[in-house]
Amino acid sequence: MDDKTTEIELRLLLEALFQKYCYDFRGYSMASIKRRLFQAREHFDCRTFSQLQDRVLHDPAVLSKLLSFLTVRVSELFRNPAYFLAIREKVIPYLRTYPSIKVWVAGCGAGEEVYSLAILFREEGLENRTMFYGTDISPEALEKAKAGVYKLDRIPLFTENHRQSGGKSSLSDYYSAAYQAAIFDKNLRRRVVFSDHSLATDGVFAEVQFISCRNVLIYFDRELQDRAVGLFKDSLARKGFLGLGFKESLRFNRHADTFTEFARSERIYQKRGDL
């Protein structure tokens, strides 16, 4: 099949996902989405994207697995420890001034970043006045996040990351080990809400003081990046904070003037106080 026909089929599949299920990947980076869809096509043993489209339109059970291909994000607890150290040392002093705090992790995947922040806020004495919102478009990822269960062989890396992030306790205080799995303390989830939310189609759902959205914007085209950052701008309280991934920036974003660089090397921005 020629490349032009493949491209047409791919875009029709994305349109079908939006029209039937309201999942909008049309503004994602085409190079990334194409690579993932080729993997999905092979997994489902489909010769063409048209065959994959037929299956996903007529068998909703296929949708959840397809979303796992389209939204896969590899993460870990306290990934890039310098980011969490900057939150601990530079952002937390500001957040302490609020009587109540709301934190939004957008594109939370399997929940590693949510649990990282919950642990950090507990160590800093802010957990009891903080609500954490972890959102994603993948039902499968959200179920994993709610379970809070990770493979035991990942724990040494998690532990070292926690130490480098300025951890004030042992990570082992927050999980129990059983059957080659680490099960994180259910008390960490008592102030956490995991829910479905799409940066491509949904709107603002709460005013928050801190947003962490790392390694998500790199999968969006410029227009969708503008939309997502616009949502963050509208969601943040004045002088609220936005954390991005190390390969991401607001430099060319339509809403860049809304923010100032707060911790430049860690990609943490602060919303201006006059807006």
C-alpha atoms as a PDB file:
ATOM      1  CA  MET A   1       0.000   0.000   0.000  1.00  0.00           C
ATOM      2  CA  ASP A   2       1.418   3.433  -0.906  1.00  0.00           C
ATOM      3  CA  ASP A   3       2.302   6.041   1.730  1.00  0.00           C
ATOM      4  CA  LYS A   4      -0.457   8.443   0.693  1.00  0.00           C
ATOM      5  CA  THR A   5      -3.175   5.806   1.172  1.00  0.00           C
ATOM      6  CA  THR A   6      -1.699   4.849   4.552  1.00  0.00           C
ATOM      7  CA  GLU A   7      -1.709   8.513   5.598  1.00  0.00           C
ATOM      8  CA  ILE A   8      -5.364   8.887   4.585  1.00  0.00           C
ATOM      9  CA  GLU A   9      -6.344   5.756   6.503  1.00  0.00           C
ATOM     10  CA  LEU A  10      -4.445   6.894   9.574  1.00  0.00           C
ATOM     11  CA  ARG A  11      -6.179  10.285   9.641  1.00  0.00           C
ATOM     12  CA  LEU A  12      -9.578   8.634   9.101  1.00  0.00           C
ATOM     13  CA  LEU A  13      -8.874   6.365  12.072  1.00  0.00           C
ATOM     14  CA  LEU A  14      -8.100   9.372  14.266  1.00  0.00           C
ATOM     15  CA  GLU A  15     -11.272  11.082  13.051  1.00  0.00           C
ATOM     16  CA  ALA A  16     -13.281   7.940  13.815  1.00  0.00           C
ATOM     17  CA  LEU A  17     -11.903   7.806  17.367  1.00  0.00           C
ATOM     18  CA  PHE A  18     -13.009  11.380  17.878  1.00  0.00           C
ATOM     19  CA  GLN A  19     -16.448  11.041  16.268  1.00  0.00           C
ATOM     20  CA  LYS A  20     -17.341   7.755  18.000  1.00  0.00           C
ATOM     21  CA  TYR A  21     -15.622   8.007  21.379  1.00  0.00           C
ATOM     22  CA  CYS A  22     -14.617  11.726  21.722  1.00  0.00           C
ATOM     23  CA  TYR A  23     -10.947  10.848  22.079  1.00  0.00           C
ATOM     24  CA  ASP A  24      -9.117  13.504  20.088  1.00  0.00           C
ATOM     25  CA  PHE A  25      -5.615  12.603  18.897  1.00  0.00           C
ATOM     26  CA  ARG A  26      -5.830  14.739  15.767  1.00  0.00           C
ATOM     27  CA  GLY A  27      -3.587  17.403  17.275  1.00  0.00           C
ATOM     28  CA  TYR A  28      -0.890  15.014  18.429  1.00  0.00           C
ATOM     29  CA  SER A  29       2.537  14.953  16.818  1.00  0.00           C
ATOM     30  CA  MET A  30       2.002  12.864  13.686  1.00  0.00           C
ATOM     31  CA  ALA A  31       5.412  11.183  13.838  1.00  0.00           C
ATOM     32  CA  SER A  32       4.734   9.919  17.364  1.00  0.00           C
ATOM     33  CA  ILE A  33       1.122   8.889  16.766  1.00  0.00           C
ATOM     34  CA  LYS A  34       2.019   7.090  13.537  1.00  0.00           C
ATOM     35  CA  ARG A  35       4.720   5.031  15.265  1.00  0.00           C
ATOM     36  CA  ARG A  36       2.308   4.006  18.015  1.00  0.00           C
ATOM     37  CA  LEU A  37      -0.480   3.151  15.607  1.00  0.00           C
ATOM     38  CA  PHE A  38       1.826   0.925  13.578  1.00  0.00           C
ATOM     39  CA  GLN A  39       2.603  -0.946  16.823  1.00  0.00           C
ATOM     40  CA  ALA A  40      -1.114  -1.220  17.585  1.00  0.00           C
ATOM     41  CA  ARG A  41      -1.899  -2.425  14.071  1.00  0.00           C
ATOM     42  CA  GLU A  42       0.652  -5.192  14.437  1.00  0.00           C
ATOM     43  CA  HIS A  43      -0.673  -6.124  17.888  1.00  0.00           C
ATOM     44  CA  PHE A  44      -4.232  -6.469  16.587  1.00  0.00           C
ATOM     45  CA  ASP A  45      -2.998  -8.358  13.509  1.00  0.00           C
ATOM     46  CA  CYS A  46      -4.536  -5.849  11.111  1.00  0.00           C
ATOM     47  CA  ARG A  47      -3.103  -5.429   7.626  1.00  0.00           C
ATOM     48  CA  THR A  48      -4.311  -1.831   7.288  1.00  0.00           C
ATOM     49  CA  PHE A  49      -5.462   1.067   9.446  1.00  0.00           C
ATOM     50  CA  SER A  50      -8.877   0.653   7.838  1.00  0.00           C
ATOM     51  CA  GLN A  51      -9.113  -2.830   9.347  1.00  0.00           C
ATOM     52  CA  LEU A  52      -8.067  -1.421  12.726  1.00  0.00           C
ATOM     53  CA  GLN A  53     -10.686   1.305  12.369  1.00  0.00           C
ATOM     54  CA  ASP A  54     -13.370  -1.285  11.655  1.00  0.00           C
ATOM     55  CA  ARG A  55     -12.441  -3.232  14.772  1.00  0.00           C
ATOM     56  CA  VAL A  56     -12.355  -0.260  17.115  1.00  0.00           C
ATOM     57  CA  LEU A  57     -15.655   1.111  15.808  1.00  0.00           C
ATOM     58  CA  HIS A  58     -17.518  -2.175  16.190  1.00  0.00           C
ATOM     59  CA  ASP A  59     -15.798  -3.684  19.226  1.00  0.00           C
ATOM     60  CA  PRO A  60     -15.531  -1.243  22.166  1.00  0.00           C
ATOM     61  CA  ALA A  61     -13.306  -3.752  23.987  1.00  0.00           C
ATOM     62  CA  VAL A  62     -10.579  -2.943  21.472  1.00  0.00           C
ATOM     63  CA  LEU A  63     -10.682   0.741  22.454  1.00  0.00           C
ATOM     64  CA  SER A  64      -9.093   0.383  25.894  1.00  0.00           C
ATOM     65  CA  LYS A  65      -6.116  -1.541  24.541  1.00  0.00           C
ATOM     66  CA  LEU A  66      -5.697   0.863  21.632  1.00  0.00           C
ATOM     67  CA  LEU A  67      -5.635   3.789  24.080  1.00  0.00           C
ATOM     68  CA  SER A  68      -2.823   2.078  25.963  1.00  0.00           C
ATOM     69  CA  PHE A  69      -0.745   2.257  22.771  1.00  0.00           C
ATOM     70  CA  LEU A  70      -1.649   5.873  22.094  1.00  0.00           C
ATOM     71  CA  THR A  71      -1.082   7.166  25.616  1.00  0.00           C
ATOM     72  CA  VAL A  72       1.858   5.062  26.813  1.00  0.00           C
ATOM     73  CA  ARG A  73       4.171   7.169  28.978  1.00  0.00           C
ATOM     74  CA  VAL A  74       7.003   5.538  30.869  1.00  0.00           C
ATOM     75  CA  SER A  75       7.480   7.124  34.276  1.00  0.00           C
ATOM     76  CA  GLU A  76       8.833   6.370  37.716  1.00  0.00           C
ATOM     77  CA  LEU A  77       8.531   7.698  41.248  1.00  0.00           C
ATOM     78  CA  PHE A  78      10.448  10.966  41.684  1.00  0.00           C
ATOM     79  CA  ARG A  79      11.562  10.848  38.050  1.00  0.00           C
ATOM     80  CA  ASN A  80      14.231  13.521  37.490  1.00  0.00           C
ATOM     81  CA  PRO A  81      14.886  14.083  41.216  1.00  0.00           C
ATOM     82  CA  ALA A  82      16.102  17.665  40.648  1.00  0.00           C
ATOM     83  CA  TYR A  83      12.549  18.606  39.683  1.00  0.00           C
ATOM     84  CA  PHE A  84      11.142  17.361  42.981  1.00  0.00           C
ATOM     85  CA  LEU A  85      14.024  18.889  44.925  1.00  0.00           C
ATOM     86  CA  ALA A  86      13.159  22.254  43.361  1.00  0.00           C
ATOM     87  CA  ILE A  87       9.503  21.791  44.365  1.00  0.00           C
ATOM     88  CA  ARG A  88      10.589  20.925  47.900  1.00  0.00           C
ATOM     89  CA  GLU A  89      13.033  23.800  48.309  1.00  0.00           C
ATOM     90  CA  LYS A  90      11.544  26.561  46.125  1.00  0.00           C
ATOM     91  CA  VAL A  91       7.814  25.957  45.528  1.00  0.00           C
ATOM     92  CA  ILE A  92       6.716  24.533  48.886  1.00  0.00           C
ATOM     93  CA  PRO A  93       7.593  27.754  50.800  1.00  0.00           C
ATOM     94  CA  TYR A  94       5.059  29.604  48.619  1.00  0.00           C
ATOM     95  CA  LEU A  95       2.425  26.897  48.914  1.00  0.00           C
ATOM     96  CA  ARG A  96       2.698  26.961  52.708  1.00  0.00           C
ATOM     97  CA  THR A  97       1.037  30.391  52.627  1.00  0.00           C
ATOM     98  CA  TYR A  98      -2.254  28.897  51.333  1.00  0.00           C
ATOM     99  CA  PRO A  99      -4.826  27.575  53.838  1.00  0.00           C
ATOM    100  CA  SER A 100      -5.757  24.885  51.320  1.00  0.00           C
ATOM    101  CA  ILE A 101      -3.916  23.642  48.247  1.00  0.00           C
ATOM    102  CA  LYS A 102      -4.950  21.880  45.061  1.00  0.00           C
ATOM    103  CA  VAL A 103      -2.446  20.044  42.875  1.00  0.00           C
ATOM    104  CA  TRP A 104      -3.211  18.784  39.378  1.00  0.00           C
ATOM    105  CA  VAL A 105      -1.063  16.136  37.656  1.00  0.00           C
ATOM    106  CA  ALA A 106      -2.201  16.230  34.024  1.00  0.00           C
ATOM    107  CA  GLY A 107      -1.437  13.086  32.030  1.00  0.00           C
ATOM    108  CA  CYS A 108      -0.776  11.103  35.201  1.00  0.00           C
ATOM    109  CA  GLY A 109      -0.402   7.708  33.500  1.00  0.00           C
ATOM    110  CA  ALA A 110      -0.085   4.932  36.084  1.00  0.00           C
ATOM    111  CA  GLY A 111       0.135   7.432  38.926  1.00  0.00           C
ATOM    112  CA  GLU A 112       3.845   7.524  39.759  1.00  0.00           C
ATOM    113  CA  GLU A 113       4.016  11.330  39.798  1.00  0.00           C
ATOM    114  CA  VAL A 114       0.866  11.668  41.907  1.00  0.00           C
ATOM    115  CA  TYR A 115       2.278   9.342  44.567  1.00  0.00           C
ATOM    116  CA  SER A 116       5.617  11.151  44.418  1.00  0.00           C
ATOM    117  CA  LEU A 117       3.934  14.476  45.166  1.00  0.00           C
ATOM    118  CA  ALA A 118       1.709  12.963  47.859  1.00  0.00           C
ATOM    119  CA  ILE A 119       4.801  11.603  49.618  1.00  0.00           C
ATOM    120  CA  LEU A 120       6.675  14.896  49.219  1.00  0.00           C
ATOM    121  CA  PHE A 121       3.758  16.917  50.601  1.00  0.00           C
ATOM    122  CA  ARG A 122       3.417  14.502  53.531  1.00  0.00           C
ATOM    123  CA  GLU A 123       7.093  14.918  54.340  1.00  0.00           C
ATOM    124  CA  GLU A 124       6.693  18.693  54.180  1.00  0.00           C
ATOM    125  CA  GLY A 125       3.626  18.677  56.425  1.00  0.00           C
ATOM    126  CA  LEU A 126       1.181  19.858  53.753  1.00  0.00           C
ATOM    127  CA  GLU A 127      -0.664  16.638  52.922  1.00  0.00           C
ATOM    128  CA  ASN A 128      -3.649  17.277  55.187  1.00  0.00           C
ATOM    129  CA  ARG A 129      -4.522  20.567  53.493  1.00  0.00           C
ATOM    130  CA  THR A 130      -3.866  19.422  49.935  1.00  0.00           C
ATOM    131  CA  MET A 131      -6.079  17.730  47.346  1.00  0.00           C
ATOM    132  CA  PHE A 132      -4.349  15.958  44.477  1.00  0.00           C
ATOM    133  CA  TYR A 133      -6.003  15.423  41.107  1.00  0.00           C
ATOM    134  CA  GLY A 134      -4.490  12.901  38.698  1.00  0.00           C
ATOM    135  CA  THR A 135      -6.041  12.932  35.243  1.00  0.00           C
ATOM    136  CA  ASP A 136      -5.524  10.910  32.092  1.00  0.00           C
ATOM    137  CA  ILE A 137      -7.538   9.779  29.078  1.00  0.00           C
ATOM    138  CA  SER A 138      -6.637   6.088  29.424  1.00  0.00           C
ATOM    139  CA  PRO A 139      -9.031   4.040  31.586  1.00  0.00           C
ATOM    140  CA  GLU A 140      -6.398   1.307  31.846  1.00  0.00           C
ATOM    141  CA  ALA A 141      -3.772   3.747  33.155  1.00  0.00           C
ATOM    142  CA  LEU A 142      -6.220   5.255  35.651  1.00  0.00           C
ATOM    143  CA  GLU A 143      -7.056   1.802  37.032  1.00  0.00           C
ATOM    144  CA  LYS A 144      -3.356   1.132  37.576  1.00  0.00           C
ATOM    145  CA  ALA A 145      -2.979   4.513  39.241  1.00  0.00           C
ATOM    146  CA  LYS A 146      -5.874   3.843  41.611  1.00  0.00           C
ATOM    147  CA  ALA A 147      -4.377   0.462  42.551  1.00  0.00           C
ATOM    148  CA  GLY A 148      -0.983   1.956  43.426  1.00  0.00           C
ATOM    149  CA  VAL A 149       0.817  -1.332  42.753  1.00  0.00           C
ATOM    150  CA  TYR A 150       4.223  -1.407  41.029  1.00  0.00           C
ATOM    151  CA  LYS A 151       6.700  -4.168  40.244  1.00  0.00           C
ATOM    152  CA  LEU A 152       9.119  -4.771  43.075  1.00  0.00           C
ATOM    153  CA  ASP A 153      12.147  -4.638  40.781  1.00  0.00           C
ATOM    154  CA  ARG A 154      11.411  -0.936  40.154  1.00  0.00           C
ATOM    155  CA  ILE A 155      11.738  -0.042  43.834  1.00  0.00           C
ATOM    156  CA  PRO A 156      15.560   0.393  43.978  1.00  0.00           C
ATOM    157  CA  LEU A 157      15.323   3.110  41.307  1.00  0.00           C
ATOM    158  CA  PHE A 158      12.330   4.706  43.045  1.00  0.00           C
ATOM    159  CA  THR A 159      14.251   4.657  46.336  1.00  0.00           C
ATOM    160  CA  GLU A 160      17.353   6.318  44.886  1.00  0.00           C
ATOM    161  CA  ASN A 161      15.227   8.966  43.144  1.00  0.00           C
ATOM    162  CA  HIS A 162      13.447   9.699  46.431  1.00  0.00           C
ATOM    163  CA  ARG A 163      16.770  10.087  48.227  1.00  0.00           C
ATOM    164  CA  GLN A 164      18.132  12.467  45.573  1.00  0.00           C
ATOM    165  CA  SER A 165      14.912  14.509  45.691  1.00  0.00           C
ATOM    166  CA  GLY A 166      15.615  15.403  49.318  1.00  0.00           C
ATOM    167  CA  GLY A 167      13.416  12.709  50.869  1.00  0.00           C
ATOM    168  CA  LYS A 168      13.091  13.057  54.620  1.00  0.00           C
ATOM    169  CA  SER A 169      12.205   9.444  55.371  1.00  0.00           C
ATOM    170  CA  SER A 170      12.666   5.992  53.903  1.00  0.00           C
ATOM    171  CA  LEU A 171      10.556   5.224  50.841  1.00  0.00           C
ATOM    172  CA  SER A 172       9.858   1.827  52.411  1.00  0.00           C
ATOM    173  CA  ASP A 173       7.670   3.669  54.937  1.00  0.00           C
ATOM    174  CA  TYR A 174       5.117   4.200  52.159  1.00  0.00           C
ATOM    175  CA  TYR A 175       4.644   0.713  50.716  1.00  0.00           C
ATOM    176  CA  SER A 176       4.437  -2.947  51.608  1.00  0.00           C
ATOM    177  CA  ALA A 177       5.926  -5.750  49.525  1.00  0.00           C
ATOM    178  CA  ALA A 178       4.056  -8.894  48.541  1.00  0.00           C
ATOM    179  CA  TYR A 179       4.117 -11.284  45.572  1.00  0.00           C
ATOM    180  CA  GLN A 180       6.914  -9.399  43.782  1.00  0.00           C
ATOM    181  CA  ALA A 181       4.934  -6.172  43.964  1.00  0.00           C
ATOM    182  CA  ALA A 182       5.115  -2.960  45.987  1.00  0.00           C
ATOM    183  CA  ILE A 183       1.698  -1.848  47.196  1.00  0.00           C
ATOM    184  CA  PHE A 184       1.636   1.802  48.183  1.00  0.00           C
ATOM    185  CA  ASP A 185      -0.056   2.923  51.369  1.00  0.00           C
ATOM    186  CA  LYS A 186      -3.786   3.490  50.864  1.00  0.00           C
ATOM    187  CA  ASN A 187      -3.542   6.520  53.139  1.00  0.00           C
ATOM    188  CA  LEU A 188      -1.588   8.248  50.376  1.00  0.00           C
ATOM    189  CA  ARG A 189      -4.735   8.016  48.253  1.00  0.00           C
ATOM    190  CA  ARG A 190      -7.196   9.444  50.755  1.00  0.00           C
ATOM    191  CA  ARG A 191      -6.653  12.949  49.370  1.00  0.00           C
ATOM    192  CA  VAL A 192      -6.190  11.883  45.751  1.00  0.00           C
ATOM    193  CA  VAL A 193      -8.820  11.882  43.014  1.00  0.00           C
ATOM    194  CA  PHE A 194      -8.044  10.049  39.770  1.00  0.00           C
ATOM    195  CA  SER A 195     -10.341  10.912  36.881  1.00  0.00           C
ATOM    196  CA  ASP A 196     -10.703  11.056  33.120  1.00  0.00           C
ATOM    197  CA  HIS A 197      -9.777  14.380  31.524  1.00  0.00           C
ATOM    198  CA  SER A 198      -8.547  15.256  28.037  1.00  0.00           C
ATOM    199  CA  LEU A 199      -6.329  18.257  27.379  1.00  0.00           C
ATOM    200  CA  ALA A 200      -7.542  18.118  23.772  1.00  0.00           C
ATOM    201  CA  THR A 201     -11.280  18.391  24.394  1.00  0.00           C
ATOM    202  CA  ASP A 202     -12.117  19.114  28.055  1.00  0.00           C
ATOM    203  CA  GLY A 203     -12.172  22.382  29.977  1.00  0.00           C
ATOM    204  CA  VAL A 204     -11.113  23.732  33.352  1.00  0.00           C
ATOM    205  CA  PHE A 205     -12.458  21.722  36.294  1.00  0.00           C
ATOM    206  CA  ALA A 206     -10.899  23.446  39.335  1.00  0.00           C
ATOM    207  CA  GLU A 207      -8.728  26.336  40.465  1.00  0.00           C
ATOM    208  CA  VAL A 208      -5.372  24.925  41.523  1.00  0.00           C
ATOM    209  CA  GLN A 209      -2.087  26.233  42.925  1.00  0.00           C
ATOM    210  CA  PHE A 210       0.267  23.754  41.246  1.00  0.00           C
ATOM    211  CA  ILE A 211       0.101  21.861  37.952  1.00  0.00           C
ATOM    212  CA  SER A 212       2.580  19.192  36.921  1.00  0.00           C
ATOM    213  CA  CYS A 213       2.365  18.120  33.285  1.00  0.00           C
ATOM    214  CA  ARG A 214       5.642  16.541  32.264  1.00  0.00           C
ATOM    215  CA  ASN A 215       6.476  14.835  29.001  1.00  0.00           C
ATOM    216  CA  VAL A 216       2.977  15.294  27.603  1.00  0.00           C
ATOM    217  CA  LEU A 217       3.250  18.473  25.502  1.00  0.00           C
ATOM    218  CA  ILE A 218       6.071  16.936  23.447  1.00  0.00           C
ATOM    219  CA  TYR A 219       3.471  14.619  21.891  1.00  0.00           C
ATOM    220  CA  PHE A 220       1.226  17.549  20.830  1.00  0.00           C
ATOM    221  CA  ASP A 221       1.437  19.757  17.759  1.00  0.00           C
ATOM    222  CA  ARG A 222       1.786  23.522  18.278  1.00  0.00           C
ATOM    223  CA  GLU A 223      -1.952  24.247  18.243  1.00  0.00           C
ATOM    224  CA  LEU A 224      -2.732  21.598  20.851  1.00  0.00           C
ATOM    225  CA  GLN A 225       0.170  22.759  23.005  1.00  0.00           C
ATOM    226  CA  ASP A 226      -1.366  26.243  22.962  1.00  0.00           C
ATOM    227  CA  ARG A 227      -4.729  24.809  23.979  1.00  0.00           C
ATOM    228  CA  ALA A 228      -3.271  22.796  26.849  1.00  0.00           C
ATOM    229  CA  VAL A 229      -1.225  25.680  28.257  1.00  0.00           C
ATOM    230  CA  GLY A 230      -4.311  27.881  27.927  1.00  0.00           C
ATOM    231  CA  LEU A 231      -6.152  25.406  30.154  1.00  0.00           C
ATOM    232  CA  PHE A 232      -3.309  25.519  32.658  1.00  0.00           C
ATOM    233  CA  LYS A 233      -3.350  29.321  32.635  1.00  0.00           C
ATOM    234  CA  ASP A 234      -7.096  29.392  33.301  1.00  0.00           C
ATOM    235  CA  SER A 235      -6.817  26.711  36.016  1.00  0.00           C
ATOM    236  CA  LEU A 236      -3.990  28.275  38.000  1.00  0.00           C
ATOM    237  CA  ALA A 237      -4.551  30.746  40.801  1.00  0.00           C
ATOM    238  CA  ARG A 238      -2.551  33.948  40.603  1.00  0.00           C
ATOM    239  CA  LYS A 239       1.127  33.202  41.192  1.00  0.00           C
ATOM    240  CA  GLY A 240       0.402  29.475  40.852  1.00  0.00           C
ATOM    241  CA  PHE A 241       3.053  27.126  39.479  1.00  0.00           C
ATOM    242  CA  LEU A 242       3.370  25.003  36.340  1.00  0.00           C
ATOM    243  CA  GLY A 243       5.948  22.232  35.991  1.00  0.00           C
ATOM    244  CA  LEU A 244       6.893  20.806  32.576  1.00  0.00           C
ATOM    245  CA  GLY A 245       9.269  18.107  31.350  1.00  0.00           C
ATOM    246  CA  PHE A 246      12.960  18.800  30.799  1.00  0.00           C
ATOM    247  CA  LYS A 247      12.502  18.748  27.005  1.00  0.00           C
ATOM    248  CA  GLU A 248       9.515  21.090  27.116  1.00  0.00           C
ATOM    249  CA  SER A 249       9.296  24.862  27.180  1.00  0.00           C
ATOM    250  CA  LEU A 250       6.810  27.740  26.988  1.00  0.00           C
ATOM    251  CA  ARG A 251       9.186  29.753  24.803  1.00  0.00           C
ATOM    252  CA  PHE A 252       7.072  29.701  21.637  1.00  0.00           C
ATOM    253  CA  ASN A 253       3.698  29.147  23.266  1.00  0.00           C
ATOM    254  CA  ARG A 254       0.838  31.594  22.682  1.00  0.00           C
ATOM    255  CA  HIS A 255       0.437  31.987  26.460  1.00  0.00           C
ATOM    256  CA  ALA A 256       4.132  32.393  27.303  1.00  0.00           C
ATOM    257  CA  ASP A 257       3.648  35.981  28.498  1.00  0.00           C
ATOM    258  CA  THR A 258       1.288  34.721  31.207  1.00  0.00           C
ATOM    259  CA  PHE A 259       4.205  33.029  32.993  1.00  0.00           C
ATOM    260  CA  THR A 260       7.641  33.853  34.330  1.00  0.00           C
ATOM    261  CA  GLU A 261      10.495  31.378  34.678  1.00  0.00           C
ATOM    262  CA  PHE A 262      10.663  30.371  38.337  1.00  0.00           C
ATOM    263  CA  ALA A 263      13.188  27.509  38.329  1.00  0.00           C
ATOM    264  CA  ARG A 264      14.573  27.597  34.820  1.00  0.00           C
ATOM    265  CA  SER A 265      16.655  24.423  34.689  1.00  0.00           C
ATOM    266  CA  GLU A 266      13.852  22.386  36.283  1.00  0.00           C
ATOM    267  CA  ARG A 267      11.210  23.836  33.910  1.00  0.00           C
ATOM    268  CA  ILE A 268       9.026  25.292  36.653  1.00  0.00           C
ATOM    269  CA  TYR A 269       7.049  28.413  35.744  1.00  0.00           C
ATOM    270  CA  GLN A 270       4.968  30.817  37.817  1.00  0.00           C
ATOM    271  CA  LYS A 271       1.799  32.502  36.658  1.00  0.00           C
ATOM    272  CA  ARG A 272       2.088  36.267  36.817  1.00  0.00           C
ATOM    273  CA  GLY A 273       0.317  37.920  39.717  1.00  0.00           C
ATOM    274  CA  ASP A 274      -1.206  40.740  37.669  1.00  0.00           C
ATOM    275  CA  LEU A 275      -3.420  38.408  35.564  1.00  0.00           C
END
